[in-house]
Amino acid sequence: MTKVFDVPRSTYASYRQRKLTVDVERTRLRARVASVHRMSRGSAGACTICGVLNQLGESIGLFKVRRLMSE
């Protein structure tokens, strides 16, 4: 497999041993973004969602909101 994709064996081995972890904070933020989007009945964009979350005390930037919306 490593010869086909021209990847060192050690890189492939470390990839296989790595455990899949879920970023809890990112999942929580994605749920908050989705919640605000639903509350606006799908009309709020990233800029509006960013403003609403900042007013609710969530420190988040516009580009992060955009990335979370596209996930």
N, C-alpha and C. Protein backbone atom coordinates (compact mmCIF):
# COMPACT_ATOMS: atom_id res chain seq x y z
N MET A 1 0.83 -1.19 0.00
CA MET A 1 0.00 0.00 0.00
C MET A 1 0.87 1.25 0.00
N THR A 2 1.93 1.23 0.80
CA THR A 2 2.76 2.43 0.90
C THR A 2 3.53 2.69 -0.38
N LYS A 3 3.88 1.64 -1.10
CA LYS A 3 4.60 1.83 -2.37
C LYS A 3 3.69 2.41 -3.44
N VAL A 4 2.44 2.02 -3.43
CA VAL A 4 1.49 2.51 -4.42
C VAL A 4 1.30 4.02 -4.30
N PHE A 5 1.15 4.51 -3.06
CA PHE A 5 0.90 5.93 -2.85
C PHE A 5 2.17 6.71 -2.53
N ASP A 6 3.32 6.05 -2.56
CA ASP A 6 4.61 6.69 -2.29
C ASP A 6 4.60 7.42 -0.95
N VAL A 7 4.18 6.67 0.09
CA VAL A 7 4.12 7.18 1.46
C VAL A 7 5.07 6.35 2.31
N PRO A 8 5.88 6.99 3.16
CA PRO A 8 6.76 6.21 4.03
C PRO A 8 5.96 5.28 4.95
N ARG A 9 6.52 4.12 5.24
CA ARG A 9 5.83 3.13 6.07
C ARG A 9 5.55 3.68 7.47
N SER A 10 6.49 4.45 8.00
CA SER A 10 6.30 4.98 9.35
C SER A 10 5.12 5.95 9.41
N THR A 11 4.93 6.72 8.36
CA THR A 11 3.80 7.65 8.31
C THR A 11 2.48 6.89 8.28
N TYR A 12 2.44 5.85 7.46
CA TYR A 12 1.22 5.04 7.37
C TYR A 12 0.94 4.33 8.69
N ALA A 13 1.97 3.82 9.32
CA ALA A 13 1.80 3.11 10.60
C ALA A 13 1.29 4.05 11.69
N SER A 14 1.84 5.25 11.75
CA SER A 14 1.37 6.19 12.77
C SER A 14 -0.07 6.63 12.48
N TYR A 15 -0.42 6.73 11.21
CA TYR A 15 -1.80 7.08 10.84
C TYR A 15 -2.76 5.99 11.30
N ARG A 16 -2.38 4.73 11.12
CA ARG A 16 -3.24 3.63 11.50
C ARG A 16 -3.40 3.51 13.01
N GLN A 17 -2.38 3.91 13.78
CA GLN A 17 -2.45 3.82 15.23
C GLN A 17 -3.18 4.98 15.87
N ARG A 18 -3.33 6.05 15.12
CA ARG A 18 -3.98 7.24 15.66
C ARG A 18 -5.45 6.95 15.94
N LYS A 19 -5.92 7.39 17.07
CA LYS A 19 -7.32 7.21 17.43
C LYS A 19 -8.13 8.38 16.88
N LEU A 20 -9.32 8.07 16.42
CA LEU A 20 -10.21 9.12 15.94
C LEU A 20 -10.82 9.81 17.15
N THR A 21 -10.60 11.11 17.25
CA THR A 21 -11.14 11.86 18.37
C THR A 21 -12.16 12.87 17.86
N VAL A 22 -13.15 13.08 18.64
CA VAL A 22 -14.19 14.04 18.32
C VAL A 22 -13.91 15.31 19.11
N ASP A 23 -13.86 16.42 18.41
CA ASP A 23 -13.62 17.70 19.06
C ASP A 23 -14.96 18.16 19.67
N VAL A 24 -15.07 18.03 20.97
CA VAL A 24 -16.33 18.31 21.67
C VAL A 24 -16.70 19.79 21.54
N GLU A 25 -15.72 20.68 21.68
CA GLU A 25 -15.99 22.11 21.59
C GLU A 25 -16.50 22.49 20.20
N ARG A 26 -15.88 21.93 19.16
CA ARG A 26 -16.30 22.23 17.79
C ARG A 26 -17.72 21.70 17.54
N THR A 27 -18.02 20.53 18.07
CA THR A 27 -19.36 19.97 17.91
C THR A 27 -20.39 20.84 18.62
N ARG A 28 -20.04 21.34 19.81
CA ARG A 28 -20.95 22.22 20.55
C ARG A 28 -21.18 23.51 19.77
N LEU A 29 -20.12 24.09 19.22
CA LEU A 29 -20.27 25.33 18.44
C LEU A 29 -21.09 25.09 17.18
N ARG A 30 -20.88 23.95 16.53
CA ARG A 30 -21.64 23.65 15.32
C ARG A 30 -23.13 23.54 15.65
N ALA A 31 -23.45 22.97 16.80
CA ALA A 31 -24.85 22.85 17.21
C ALA A 31 -25.44 24.22 17.51
N ARG A 32 -24.67 25.11 18.15
CA ARG A 32 -25.16 26.46 18.42
C ARG A 32 -25.42 27.23 17.13
N VAL A 33 -24.49 27.10 16.17
CA VAL A 33 -24.66 27.78 14.88
C VAL A 33 -25.91 27.25 14.18
N ALA A 34 -26.08 25.95 14.17
CA ALA A 34 -27.26 25.35 13.54
C ALA A 34 -28.54 25.80 14.23
N SER A 35 -28.50 25.93 15.55
CA SER A 35 -29.67 26.35 16.30
C SER A 35 -30.08 27.78 15.94
N VAL A 36 -29.09 28.67 15.89
CA VAL A 36 -29.39 30.06 15.53
C VAL A 36 -29.90 30.14 14.10
N HIS A 37 -29.34 29.33 13.21
CA HIS A 37 -29.78 29.31 11.81
C HIS A 37 -31.23 28.84 11.71
N ARG A 38 -31.57 27.81 12.50
CA ARG A 38 -32.95 27.31 12.50
C ARG A 38 -33.91 28.34 13.07
N MET A 39 -33.47 29.04 14.15
CA MET A 39 -34.34 30.05 14.77
C MET A 39 -34.66 31.17 13.79
N SER A 40 -33.75 31.43 12.85
CA SER A 40 -34.00 32.48 11.86
C SER A 40 -34.75 31.93 10.65
N ARG A 41 -35.19 30.69 10.75
CA ARG A 41 -35.88 29.99 9.67
C ARG A 41 -35.05 29.94 8.40
N GLY A 42 -33.73 29.80 8.59
CA GLY A 42 -32.82 29.61 7.47
C GLY A 42 -32.39 30.88 6.76
N SER A 43 -32.77 32.03 7.31
CA SER A 43 -32.45 33.27 6.60
C SER A 43 -31.17 33.94 7.09
N ALA A 44 -30.68 33.58 8.25
CA ALA A 44 -29.48 34.22 8.80
C ALA A 44 -28.24 33.66 8.14
N GLY A 45 -27.36 34.57 7.77
CA GLY A 45 -26.08 34.17 7.21
C GLY A 45 -25.01 34.13 8.28
N ALA A 46 -23.79 33.93 7.85
CA ALA A 46 -22.67 33.80 8.79
C ALA A 46 -22.47 35.07 9.60
N CYS A 47 -22.60 36.22 8.97
CA CYS A 47 -22.39 37.48 9.68
C CYS A 47 -23.43 37.69 10.77
N THR A 48 -24.68 37.42 10.46
CA THR A 48 -25.75 37.58 11.44
C THR A 48 -25.60 36.57 12.57
N ILE A 49 -25.29 35.33 12.23
CA ILE A 49 -25.11 34.30 13.24
C ILE A 49 -23.95 34.64 14.16
N CYS A 50 -22.89 35.17 13.59
CA CYS A 50 -21.73 35.59 14.39
C CYS A 50 -22.14 36.67 15.38
N GLY A 51 -22.90 37.64 14.94
CA GLY A 51 -23.36 38.71 15.81
C GLY A 51 -24.26 38.20 16.92
N VAL A 52 -25.17 37.31 16.58
CA VAL A 52 -26.10 36.77 17.58
C VAL A 52 -25.34 35.97 18.63
N LEU A 53 -24.41 35.14 18.19
CA LEU A 53 -23.65 34.33 19.14
C LEU A 53 -22.77 35.21 20.04
N ASN A 54 -22.21 36.27 19.48
CA ASN A 54 -21.41 37.18 20.30
C ASN A 54 -22.29 37.90 21.33
N GLN A 55 -23.52 38.25 20.97
CA GLN A 55 -24.44 38.87 21.92
C GLN A 55 -24.84 37.90 23.02
N LEU A 56 -24.87 36.61 22.68
CA LEU A 56 -25.22 35.58 23.67
C LEU A 56 -24.03 35.20 24.55
N GLY A 57 -22.88 35.83 24.30
CA GLY A 57 -21.72 35.58 25.14
C GLY A 57 -20.75 34.55 24.59
N GLU A 58 -20.99 34.10 23.39
CA GLU A 58 -20.11 33.11 22.75
C GLU A 58 -19.07 33.87 21.93
N SER A 59 -17.81 33.71 22.28
CA SER A 59 -16.73 34.40 21.58
C SER A 59 -16.34 33.58 20.35
N ILE A 60 -16.81 34.03 19.18
CA ILE A 60 -16.56 33.30 17.94
C ILE A 60 -16.43 34.31 16.81
N GLY A 61 -15.58 34.00 15.85
CA GLY A 61 -15.34 34.90 14.74
C GLY A 61 -16.14 34.52 13.52
N LEU A 62 -16.17 35.44 12.58
CA LEU A 62 -16.95 35.26 11.36
C LEU A 62 -16.46 34.07 10.54
N PHE A 63 -15.15 33.95 10.38
CA PHE A 63 -14.62 32.88 9.53
C PHE A 63 -14.88 31.50 10.14
N LYS A 64 -14.86 31.41 11.46
CA LYS A 64 -15.16 30.13 12.10
C LYS A 64 -16.63 29.77 11.90
N VAL A 65 -17.51 30.77 11.99
CA VAL A 65 -18.92 30.52 11.75
C VAL A 65 -19.13 30.03 10.31
N ARG A 66 -18.43 30.66 9.37
CA ARG A 66 -18.55 30.23 7.97
C ARG A 66 -18.13 28.78 7.81
N ARG A 67 -17.01 28.41 8.42
CA ARG A 67 -16.52 27.03 8.31
C ARG A 67 -17.50 26.05 8.95
N LEU A 68 -18.04 26.43 10.12
CA LEU A 68 -18.98 25.55 10.81
C LEU A 68 -20.26 25.38 10.00
N MET A 69 -20.69 26.44 9.33
CA MET A 69 -21.91 26.34 8.51
C MET A 69 -21.70 25.41 7.32
N SER A 70 -20.50 25.37 6.79
CA SER A 70 -20.25 24.54 5.61
C SER A 70 -20.01 23.07 5.95
N GLU A 71 -19.83 22.77 7.23
CA GLU A 71 -19.60 21.36 7.62
C GLU A 71 -20.88 20.57 7.62
